[in-house]
Amino acid sequence: MMNLHAGTFLKSSSTLDDPNFQQALVLITEHNANGSTGFVVNKLFPRTLNELTAFSHVIEFPLYKGGPVDPEHLYFIHRRPDLIGGGMLIANNLYFGGDFNYAVRCINNRMIKIDDIKIFIGYCGWDNEELEEEIAEGSWQIIDNDAKTVFAS
């Protein structure tokens, strides 16, 4: 039995033949009977937050390619629940979502730094049992990491 849960890290194997996941490190943010959701934490998006029209007023801040699903929206994970309300605890002082407008204000005021938050374009999603099958066939390996890994990559 695989121990998949929110907070699990996955590393893609060389046998995974999908350009979205070449040398990818994925953080699972949700795993339940409906499937799994997560974000690629180690692939920079070619544009920064301030290069998006809606955020042209913001200081330069990196964006990451979170995954191939829903690339029209931004998502974020952070470790500043003291500043960003409404987030959902993933594991080990790592939170998903919350008040994004306030988070952007905190970025602009430099109250939140690059190692406090990661903003993603798109996410990864798997149907029920799909991720388990991909792990069983060797496409992914579960690795031991902690929240610091998210911000170090």
N, C-alpha and C. Protein backbone atom coordinates (compact mmCIF):
# COMPACT_ATOMS: atom_id res chain seq x y z
N MET A 1 0.84 -1.19 0.00
CA MET A 1 0.00 0.00 0.00
C MET A 1 0.88 1.25 0.00
N MET A 2 0.62 2.14 -0.94
CA MET A 2 1.38 3.37 -1.03
C MET A 2 0.89 4.38 0.00
N ASN A 3 1.82 5.12 0.53
CA ASN A 3 1.47 6.13 1.51
C ASN A 3 1.43 7.50 0.85
N LEU A 4 0.45 7.71 -0.02
CA LEU A 4 0.28 9.01 -0.66
C LEU A 4 -0.61 9.88 0.20
N HIS A 5 -0.22 11.12 0.39
CA HIS A 5 -1.01 12.06 1.18
C HIS A 5 -0.54 13.47 0.84
N ALA A 6 -1.29 14.46 1.26
CA ALA A 6 -0.87 15.85 1.09
C ALA A 6 0.48 16.02 1.77
N GLY A 7 1.41 16.64 1.08
CA GLY A 7 2.76 16.81 1.62
C GLY A 7 3.76 15.83 1.05
N THR A 8 3.29 14.84 0.29
CA THR A 8 4.18 13.86 -0.35
C THR A 8 4.91 14.52 -1.52
N PHE A 9 6.19 14.20 -1.67
CA PHE A 9 6.96 14.66 -2.82
C PHE A 9 7.19 13.51 -3.78
N LEU A 10 7.06 13.81 -5.06
CA LEU A 10 7.31 12.83 -6.12
C LEU A 10 8.39 13.36 -7.05
N LYS A 11 9.25 12.47 -7.49
CA LYS A 11 10.26 12.82 -8.48
C LYS A 11 9.98 12.00 -9.72
N SER A 12 9.94 12.67 -10.88
CA SER A 12 9.67 11.93 -12.12
C SER A 12 10.87 11.07 -12.47
N SER A 13 10.58 9.93 -13.09
CA SER A 13 11.67 9.05 -13.52
C SER A 13 11.96 9.34 -14.99
N SER A 14 13.09 8.85 -15.46
CA SER A 14 13.48 9.07 -16.86
C SER A 14 12.54 8.33 -17.82
N THR A 15 11.76 7.39 -17.31
CA THR A 15 10.83 6.65 -18.18
C THR A 15 9.53 7.42 -18.42
N LEU A 16 9.29 8.47 -17.67
CA LEU A 16 8.08 9.27 -17.84
C LEU A 16 8.25 10.14 -19.08
N ASP A 17 7.51 9.80 -20.13
CA ASP A 17 7.69 10.44 -21.43
C ASP A 17 6.68 11.56 -21.63
N ASP A 18 6.77 12.59 -20.80
CA ASP A 18 5.89 13.75 -20.90
C ASP A 18 6.75 14.98 -20.63
N PRO A 19 6.86 15.88 -21.61
CA PRO A 19 7.75 17.04 -21.43
C PRO A 19 7.37 17.92 -20.23
N ASN A 20 6.11 17.89 -19.80
CA ASN A 20 5.71 18.66 -18.63
C ASN A 20 6.40 18.18 -17.36
N PHE A 21 6.85 16.94 -17.38
CA PHE A 21 7.36 16.33 -16.15
C PHE A 21 8.81 15.86 -16.24
N GLN A 22 9.56 16.35 -17.21
CA GLN A 22 10.97 15.98 -17.30
C GLN A 22 11.71 16.55 -16.09
N GLN A 23 12.34 15.68 -15.32
CA GLN A 23 13.10 16.07 -14.11
C GLN A 23 12.25 16.91 -13.16
N ALA A 24 10.99 16.55 -13.03
CA ALA A 24 10.07 17.31 -12.20
C ALA A 24 10.05 16.83 -10.75
N LEU A 25 9.92 17.78 -9.86
CA LEU A 25 9.68 17.51 -8.45
C LEU A 25 8.27 18.05 -8.16
N VAL A 26 7.38 17.15 -7.75
CA VAL A 26 5.97 17.51 -7.54
C VAL A 26 5.64 17.39 -6.06
N LEU A 27 4.95 18.40 -5.55
CA LEU A 27 4.40 18.36 -4.20
C LEU A 27 2.92 18.05 -4.33
N ILE A 28 2.48 16.96 -3.68
CA ILE A 28 1.06 16.61 -3.65
C ILE A 28 0.39 17.50 -2.59
N THR A 29 -0.64 18.22 -3.00
CA THR A 29 -1.35 19.10 -2.06
C THR A 29 -2.67 18.50 -1.61
N GLU A 30 -3.18 17.52 -2.36
CA GLU A 30 -4.43 16.88 -1.97
C GLU A 30 -4.45 15.47 -2.55
N HIS A 31 -4.87 14.52 -1.73
CA HIS A 31 -5.00 13.13 -2.18
C HIS A 31 -6.19 12.54 -1.45
N ASN A 32 -7.18 12.10 -2.22
CA ASN A 32 -8.38 11.51 -1.61
C ASN A 32 -9.02 10.54 -2.60
N ALA A 33 -10.23 10.11 -2.33
CA ALA A 33 -10.91 9.12 -3.18
C ALA A 33 -11.19 9.64 -4.58
N ASN A 34 -11.17 10.97 -4.76
CA ASN A 34 -11.40 11.53 -6.10
C ASN A 34 -10.14 11.59 -6.94
N GLY A 35 -8.98 11.50 -6.31
CA GLY A 35 -7.72 11.57 -7.03
C GLY A 35 -6.70 12.40 -6.29
N SER A 36 -5.77 12.97 -7.06
CA SER A 36 -4.66 13.72 -6.47
C SER A 36 -4.45 15.04 -7.22
N THR A 37 -3.98 16.02 -6.47
CA THR A 37 -3.63 17.33 -7.02
C THR A 37 -2.26 17.70 -6.48
N GLY A 38 -1.48 18.38 -7.31
CA GLY A 38 -0.17 18.81 -6.86
C GLY A 38 0.41 19.85 -7.79
N PHE A 39 1.66 20.25 -7.50
CA PHE A 39 2.33 21.29 -8.26
C PHE A 39 3.78 20.89 -8.51
N VAL A 40 4.25 21.14 -9.73
CA VAL A 40 5.67 21.01 -10.04
C VAL A 40 6.35 22.21 -9.38
N VAL A 41 7.27 21.97 -8.47
CA VAL A 41 7.86 23.07 -7.69
C VAL A 41 9.22 23.54 -8.21
N ASN A 42 9.75 22.86 -9.23
CA ASN A 42 11.11 23.18 -9.66
C ASN A 42 11.23 23.63 -11.12
N LYS A 43 10.14 24.12 -11.71
CA LYS A 43 10.23 24.58 -13.10
C LYS A 43 9.72 26.02 -13.22
N LEU A 44 10.66 26.92 -13.46
CA LEU A 44 10.30 28.33 -13.60
C LEU A 44 9.47 28.56 -14.86
N PHE A 45 8.50 29.45 -14.75
CA PHE A 45 7.72 29.90 -15.89
C PHE A 45 8.56 30.99 -16.57
N PRO A 46 8.50 31.12 -17.89
CA PRO A 46 9.38 32.09 -18.57
C PRO A 46 9.06 33.57 -18.31
N ARG A 47 7.96 33.86 -17.66
CA ARG A 47 7.62 35.24 -17.35
C ARG A 47 7.46 35.38 -15.84
N THR A 48 7.61 36.61 -15.36
CA THR A 48 7.43 36.88 -13.93
C THR A 48 6.02 37.41 -13.68
N LEU A 49 5.63 37.45 -12.42
CA LEU A 49 4.28 37.89 -12.05
C LEU A 49 3.96 39.26 -12.61
N ASN A 50 4.90 40.20 -12.50
CA ASN A 50 4.67 41.56 -12.97
C ASN A 50 4.54 41.66 -14.49
N GLU A 51 4.91 40.61 -15.22
CA GLU A 51 4.76 40.61 -16.67
C GLU A 51 3.35 40.19 -17.11
N LEU A 52 2.54 39.75 -16.16
CA LEU A 52 1.14 39.46 -16.46
C LEU A 52 0.36 40.76 -16.33
N THR A 53 -0.49 41.05 -17.29
CA THR A 53 -1.19 42.34 -17.35
C THR A 53 -1.86 42.70 -16.03
N ALA A 54 -2.56 41.77 -15.44
CA ALA A 54 -3.29 42.06 -14.20
C ALA A 54 -2.38 42.40 -13.03
N PHE A 55 -1.09 42.07 -13.14
CA PHE A 55 -0.17 42.28 -12.02
C PHE A 55 1.01 43.18 -12.41
N SER A 56 0.80 44.04 -13.39
CA SER A 56 1.88 44.92 -13.87
C SER A 56 2.34 45.90 -12.78
N HIS A 57 1.53 46.10 -11.75
CA HIS A 57 1.87 47.01 -10.65
C HIS A 57 2.75 46.35 -9.58
N VAL A 58 2.99 45.07 -9.73
CA VAL A 58 3.70 44.29 -8.70
C VAL A 58 5.20 44.27 -9.01
N ILE A 59 6.01 44.16 -7.97
CA ILE A 59 7.46 44.02 -8.18
C ILE A 59 7.73 42.71 -8.91
N GLU A 60 8.91 42.60 -9.48
CA GLU A 60 9.28 41.38 -10.19
C GLU A 60 9.30 40.21 -9.21
N PHE A 61 8.57 39.15 -9.57
CA PHE A 61 8.47 37.98 -8.68
C PHE A 61 8.31 36.75 -9.55
N PRO A 62 9.05 35.67 -9.26
CA PRO A 62 9.01 34.50 -10.14
C PRO A 62 7.67 33.75 -10.11
N LEU A 63 7.38 33.14 -11.26
CA LEU A 63 6.24 32.23 -11.39
C LEU A 63 6.80 30.86 -11.75
N TYR A 64 6.04 29.83 -11.41
CA TYR A 64 6.44 28.46 -11.71
C TYR A 64 5.38 27.78 -12.54
N LYS A 65 5.83 26.83 -13.39
CA LYS A 65 4.91 26.01 -14.17
C LYS A 65 4.40 24.92 -13.24
N GLY A 66 3.23 25.12 -12.68
CA GLY A 66 2.70 24.17 -11.70
C GLY A 66 2.26 22.85 -12.30
N GLY A 67 1.90 22.88 -13.58
CA GLY A 67 1.45 21.67 -14.26
C GLY A 67 0.59 22.02 -15.46
N PRO A 68 0.22 21.00 -16.22
CA PRO A 68 -0.50 21.24 -17.47
C PRO A 68 -1.99 21.52 -17.34
N VAL A 69 -2.56 21.33 -16.15
CA VAL A 69 -4.00 21.52 -15.97
C VAL A 69 -4.29 22.99 -15.61
N ASP A 70 -5.27 23.56 -16.28
CA ASP A 70 -5.77 24.91 -15.98
C ASP A 70 -4.67 25.98 -15.98
N PRO A 71 -3.93 26.12 -17.09
CA PRO A 71 -2.85 27.11 -17.14
C PRO A 71 -3.32 28.56 -17.26
N GLU A 72 -4.63 28.78 -17.19
CA GLU A 72 -5.15 30.14 -17.22
C GLU A 72 -5.25 30.75 -15.83
N HIS A 73 -4.98 29.94 -14.79
CA HIS A 73 -5.13 30.45 -13.43
C HIS A 73 -3.85 30.32 -12.61
N LEU A 74 -3.77 31.18 -11.60
CA LEU A 74 -2.64 31.17 -10.68
C LEU A 74 -3.05 30.46 -9.39
N TYR A 75 -2.11 29.74 -8.82
CA TYR A 75 -2.28 29.04 -7.55
C TYR A 75 -1.04 29.33 -6.73
N PHE A 76 -1.13 29.15 -5.41
CA PHE A 76 0.08 29.39 -4.63
C PHE A 76 0.12 28.54 -3.37
N ILE A 77 1.35 28.27 -2.97
CA ILE A 77 1.61 27.63 -1.68
C ILE A 77 2.54 28.55 -0.91
N HIS A 78 2.44 28.50 0.40
CA HIS A 78 3.22 29.43 1.21
C HIS A 78 3.45 28.85 2.60
N ARG A 79 4.30 29.54 3.32
CA ARG A 79 4.53 29.18 4.73
C ARG A 79 4.41 30.40 5.62
N ARG A 80 3.44 31.26 5.29
CA ARG A 80 3.21 32.46 6.10
C ARG A 80 1.72 32.60 6.48
N PRO A 81 1.19 31.63 7.23
CA PRO A 81 -0.21 31.74 7.65
C PRO A 81 -0.43 32.91 8.61
N ASP A 82 0.67 33.41 9.19
CA ASP A 82 0.56 34.58 10.06
C ASP A 82 0.19 35.83 9.26
N LEU A 83 0.51 35.85 7.96
CA LEU A 83 0.19 37.00 7.11
C LEU A 83 -0.96 36.71 6.14
N ILE A 84 -1.00 35.50 5.62
CA ILE A 84 -1.98 35.16 4.57
C ILE A 84 -3.07 34.29 5.19
N GLY A 85 -4.24 34.86 5.32
CA GLY A 85 -5.36 34.12 5.89
C GLY A 85 -6.05 33.25 4.85
N GLY A 86 -6.77 32.25 5.34
CA GLY A 86 -7.61 31.43 4.47
C GLY A 86 -6.93 30.28 3.78
N GLY A 87 -5.67 30.04 4.07
CA GLY A 87 -4.96 28.93 3.44
C GLY A 87 -5.32 27.60 4.07
N MET A 88 -5.11 26.53 3.32
CA MET A 88 -5.37 25.17 3.81
C MET A 88 -4.03 24.51 4.13
N LEU A 89 -3.89 24.00 5.35
CA LEU A 89 -2.65 23.33 5.74
C LEU A 89 -2.45 22.08 4.89
N ILE A 90 -1.29 21.98 4.25
CA ILE A 90 -0.93 20.78 3.49
C ILE A 90 -0.20 19.83 4.43
N ALA A 91 0.90 20.30 4.98
CA ALA A 91 1.72 19.53 5.93
C ALA A 91 2.89 20.41 6.36
N ASN A 92 3.42 20.17 7.53
CA ASN A 92 4.66 20.80 7.98
C ASN A 92 4.73 22.31 7.72
N ASN A 93 3.77 23.07 8.20
CA ASN A 93 3.75 24.52 8.04
C ASN A 93 3.78 24.94 6.57
N LEU A 94 3.15 24.19 5.71
CA LEU A 94 3.04 24.50 4.30
C LEU A 94 1.55 24.61 3.98
N TYR A 95 1.17 25.72 3.37
CA TYR A 95 -0.25 26.02 3.14
C TYR A 95 -0.53 26.20 1.66
N PHE A 96 -1.74 25.81 1.26
CA PHE A 96 -2.20 26.01 -0.11
C PHE A 96 -3.25 27.11 -0.12
N GLY A 97 -3.03 28.12 -0.97
CA GLY A 97 -4.05 29.15 -1.18
C GLY A 97 -4.21 30.09 -0.02
N GLY A 98 -5.31 30.83 -0.11
CA GLY A 98 -5.61 31.85 0.88
C GLY A 98 -5.93 33.16 0.17
N ASP A 99 -5.79 34.25 0.88
CA ASP A 99 -6.11 35.58 0.36
C ASP A 99 -4.99 36.03 -0.59
N PHE A 100 -5.19 35.77 -1.89
CA PHE A 100 -4.15 36.05 -2.87
C PHE A 100 -3.90 37.56 -3.02
N ASN A 101 -4.94 38.35 -3.00
CA ASN A 101 -4.74 39.80 -3.13
C ASN A 101 -3.88 40.34 -2.01
N TYR A 102 -4.10 39.85 -0.79
CA TYR A 102 -3.28 40.30 0.33
C TYR A 102 -1.85 39.77 0.20
N ALA A 103 -1.73 38.53 -0.28
CA ALA A 103 -0.39 37.96 -0.50
C ALA A 103 0.40 38.83 -1.48
N VAL A 104 -0.25 39.27 -2.56
CA VAL A 104 0.41 40.12 -3.55
C VAL A 104 0.81 41.46 -2.91
N ARG A 105 -0.05 42.02 -2.08
CA ARG A 105 0.31 43.26 -1.37
C ARG A 105 1.53 43.03 -0.48
N CYS A 106 1.57 41.89 0.19
CA CYS A 106 2.72 41.58 1.06
C CYS A 106 4.00 41.40 0.24
N ILE A 107 3.88 40.82 -0.95
CA ILE A 107 5.03 40.70 -1.85
C ILE A 107 5.51 42.09 -2.24
N ASN A 108 4.58 42.93 -2.64
CA ASN A 108 4.91 44.29 -3.05
C ASN A 108 5.56 45.10 -1.94
N ASN A 109 5.11 44.89 -0.71
CA ASN A 109 5.67 45.59 0.45
C ASN A 109 6.91 44.90 1.02
N ARG A 110 7.30 43.81 0.37
CA ARG A 110 8.47 43.00 0.76
C ARG A 110 8.32 42.39 2.16
N MET A 111 7.07 42.19 2.58
CA MET A 111 6.80 41.49 3.84
C MET A 111 6.90 39.98 3.62
N ILE A 112 6.68 39.56 2.38
CA ILE A 112 6.80 38.15 1.99
C ILE A 112 7.91 38.07 0.96
N LYS A 113 8.81 37.12 1.18
CA LYS A 113 9.97 36.95 0.31
C LYS A 113 9.80 35.71 -0.58
N ILE A 114 10.73 35.56 -1.50
CA ILE A 114 10.70 34.43 -2.45
C ILE A 114 10.69 33.09 -1.71
N ASP A 115 11.35 33.01 -0.57
CA ASP A 115 11.37 31.72 0.14
C ASP A 115 10.19 31.54 1.09
N ASP A 116 9.16 32.40 0.95
CA ASP A 116 7.93 32.26 1.74
C ASP A 116 6.75 31.77 0.91
N ILE A 117 6.81 31.97 -0.40
CA ILE A 117 5.65 31.71 -1.25
C ILE A 117 6.12 31.30 -2.64
N LYS A 118 5.37 30.39 -3.27
CA LYS A 118 5.58 30.04 -4.67
C LYS A 118 4.25 30.17 -5.38
N ILE A 119 4.29 30.87 -6.51
CA ILE A 119 3.08 31.09 -7.30
C ILE A 119 3.20 30.27 -8.58
N PHE A 120 2.14 29.54 -8.89
CA PHE A 120 2.14 28.61 -10.01
C PHE A 120 1.11 28.99 -11.06
N ILE A 121 1.46 28.71 -12.30
CA ILE A 121 0.51 28.77 -13.40
C ILE A 121 0.15 27.31 -13.68
N GLY A 122 -1.11 26.96 -13.48
CA GLY A 122 -1.55 25.59 -13.69
C GLY A 122 -1.19 24.67 -12.54
N TYR A 123 -1.68 23.45 -12.62
CA TYR A 123 -1.42 22.44 -11.60
C TYR A 123 -1.40 21.05 -12.23
N CYS A 124 -1.10 20.05 -11.43
CA CYS A 124 -1.11 18.65 -11.86
C CYS A 124 -2.34 18.00 -11.24
N GLY A 125 -2.99 17.16 -12.01
CA GLY A 125 -4.15 16.46 -11.48
C GLY A 125 -4.21 15.03 -11.98
N TRP A 126 -4.62 14.15 -11.11
CA TRP A 126 -4.77 12.74 -11.44
C TRP A 126 -6.13 12.26 -10.94
N ASP A 127 -6.79 11.43 -11.74
CA ASP A 127 -8.05 10.82 -11.31
C ASP A 127 -7.76 9.77 -10.25
N ASN A 128 -8.83 9.27 -9.61
CA ASN A 128 -8.70 8.24 -8.59
C ASN A 128 -7.88 7.06 -9.11
N GLU A 129 -6.86 6.67 -8.37
CA GLU A 129 -5.97 5.54 -8.66
C GLU A 129 -5.00 5.78 -9.81
N GLU A 130 -5.14 6.87 -10.56
CA GLU A 130 -4.26 7.12 -11.71
C GLU A 130 -2.81 7.35 -11.26
N LEU A 131 -2.61 8.15 -10.23
CA LEU A 131 -1.25 8.40 -9.76
C LEU A 131 -0.63 7.13 -9.19
N GLU A 132 -1.41 6.37 -8.45
CA GLU A 132 -0.90 5.10 -7.90
C GLU A 132 -0.42 4.19 -9.02
N GLU A 133 -1.18 4.15 -10.13
CA GLU A 133 -0.79 3.33 -11.28
C GLU A 133 0.51 3.84 -11.90
N GLU A 134 0.65 5.15 -12.01
CA GLU A 134 1.88 5.72 -12.58
C GLU A 134 3.08 5.44 -11.68
N ILE A 135 2.88 5.47 -10.37
CA ILE A 135 3.97 5.14 -9.44
C ILE A 135 4.32 3.66 -9.58
N ALA A 136 3.31 2.80 -9.63
CA ALA A 136 3.54 1.35 -9.75
C ALA A 136 4.29 1.00 -11.04
N GLU A 137 4.03 1.71 -12.12
CA GLU A 137 4.71 1.42 -13.38
C GLU A 137 6.09 2.08 -13.46
N GLY A 138 6.46 2.84 -12.43
CA GLY A 138 7.81 3.40 -12.36
C GLY A 138 7.96 4.81 -12.90
N SER A 139 6.86 5.51 -13.22
CA SER A 139 6.96 6.86 -13.75
C SER A 139 7.34 7.88 -12.68
N TRP A 140 6.98 7.59 -11.43
CA TRP A 140 7.25 8.49 -10.31
C TRP A 140 7.86 7.70 -9.17
N GLN A 141 8.69 8.36 -8.39
CA GLN A 141 9.15 7.76 -7.14
C GLN A 141 8.83 8.71 -6.01
N ILE A 142 8.35 8.15 -4.91
CA ILE A 142 8.05 8.93 -3.71
C ILE A 142 9.38 9.20 -3.03
N ILE A 143 9.63 10.45 -2.70
CA ILE A 143 10.89 10.79 -2.05
C ILE A 143 10.63 11.49 -0.73
N ASP A 144 11.56 11.35 0.18
CA ASP A 144 11.47 12.02 1.48
C ASP A 144 12.01 13.43 1.34
N ASN A 145 11.18 14.38 1.63
CA ASN A 145 11.58 15.78 1.64
C ASN A 145 10.72 16.51 2.65
N ASP A 146 11.06 17.75 2.87
CA ASP A 146 10.23 18.55 3.77
C ASP A 146 9.88 19.86 3.09
N ALA A 147 9.17 20.70 3.78
CA ALA A 147 8.67 21.95 3.20
C ALA A 147 9.79 22.83 2.66
N LYS A 148 10.98 22.75 3.25
CA LYS A 148 12.09 23.58 2.78
C LYS A 148 12.43 23.27 1.33
N THR A 149 12.20 22.03 0.91
CA THR A 149 12.48 21.62 -0.47
C THR A 149 11.71 22.45 -1.47
N VAL A 150 10.49 22.80 -1.13
CA VAL A 150 9.64 23.59 -2.04
C VAL A 150 10.32 24.89 -2.39
N PHE A 151 10.92 25.54 -1.42
CA PHE A 151 11.48 26.86 -1.63
C PHE A 151 12.94 26.84 -2.01
N ALA A 152 13.57 25.66 -1.93
CA ALA A 152 14.96 25.53 -2.32
C ALA A 152 15.10 25.19 -3.80
N SER A 153 13.99 24.73 -4.40
CA SER A 153 14.09 24.29 -5.80
C SER A 153 13.64 25.38 -6.75
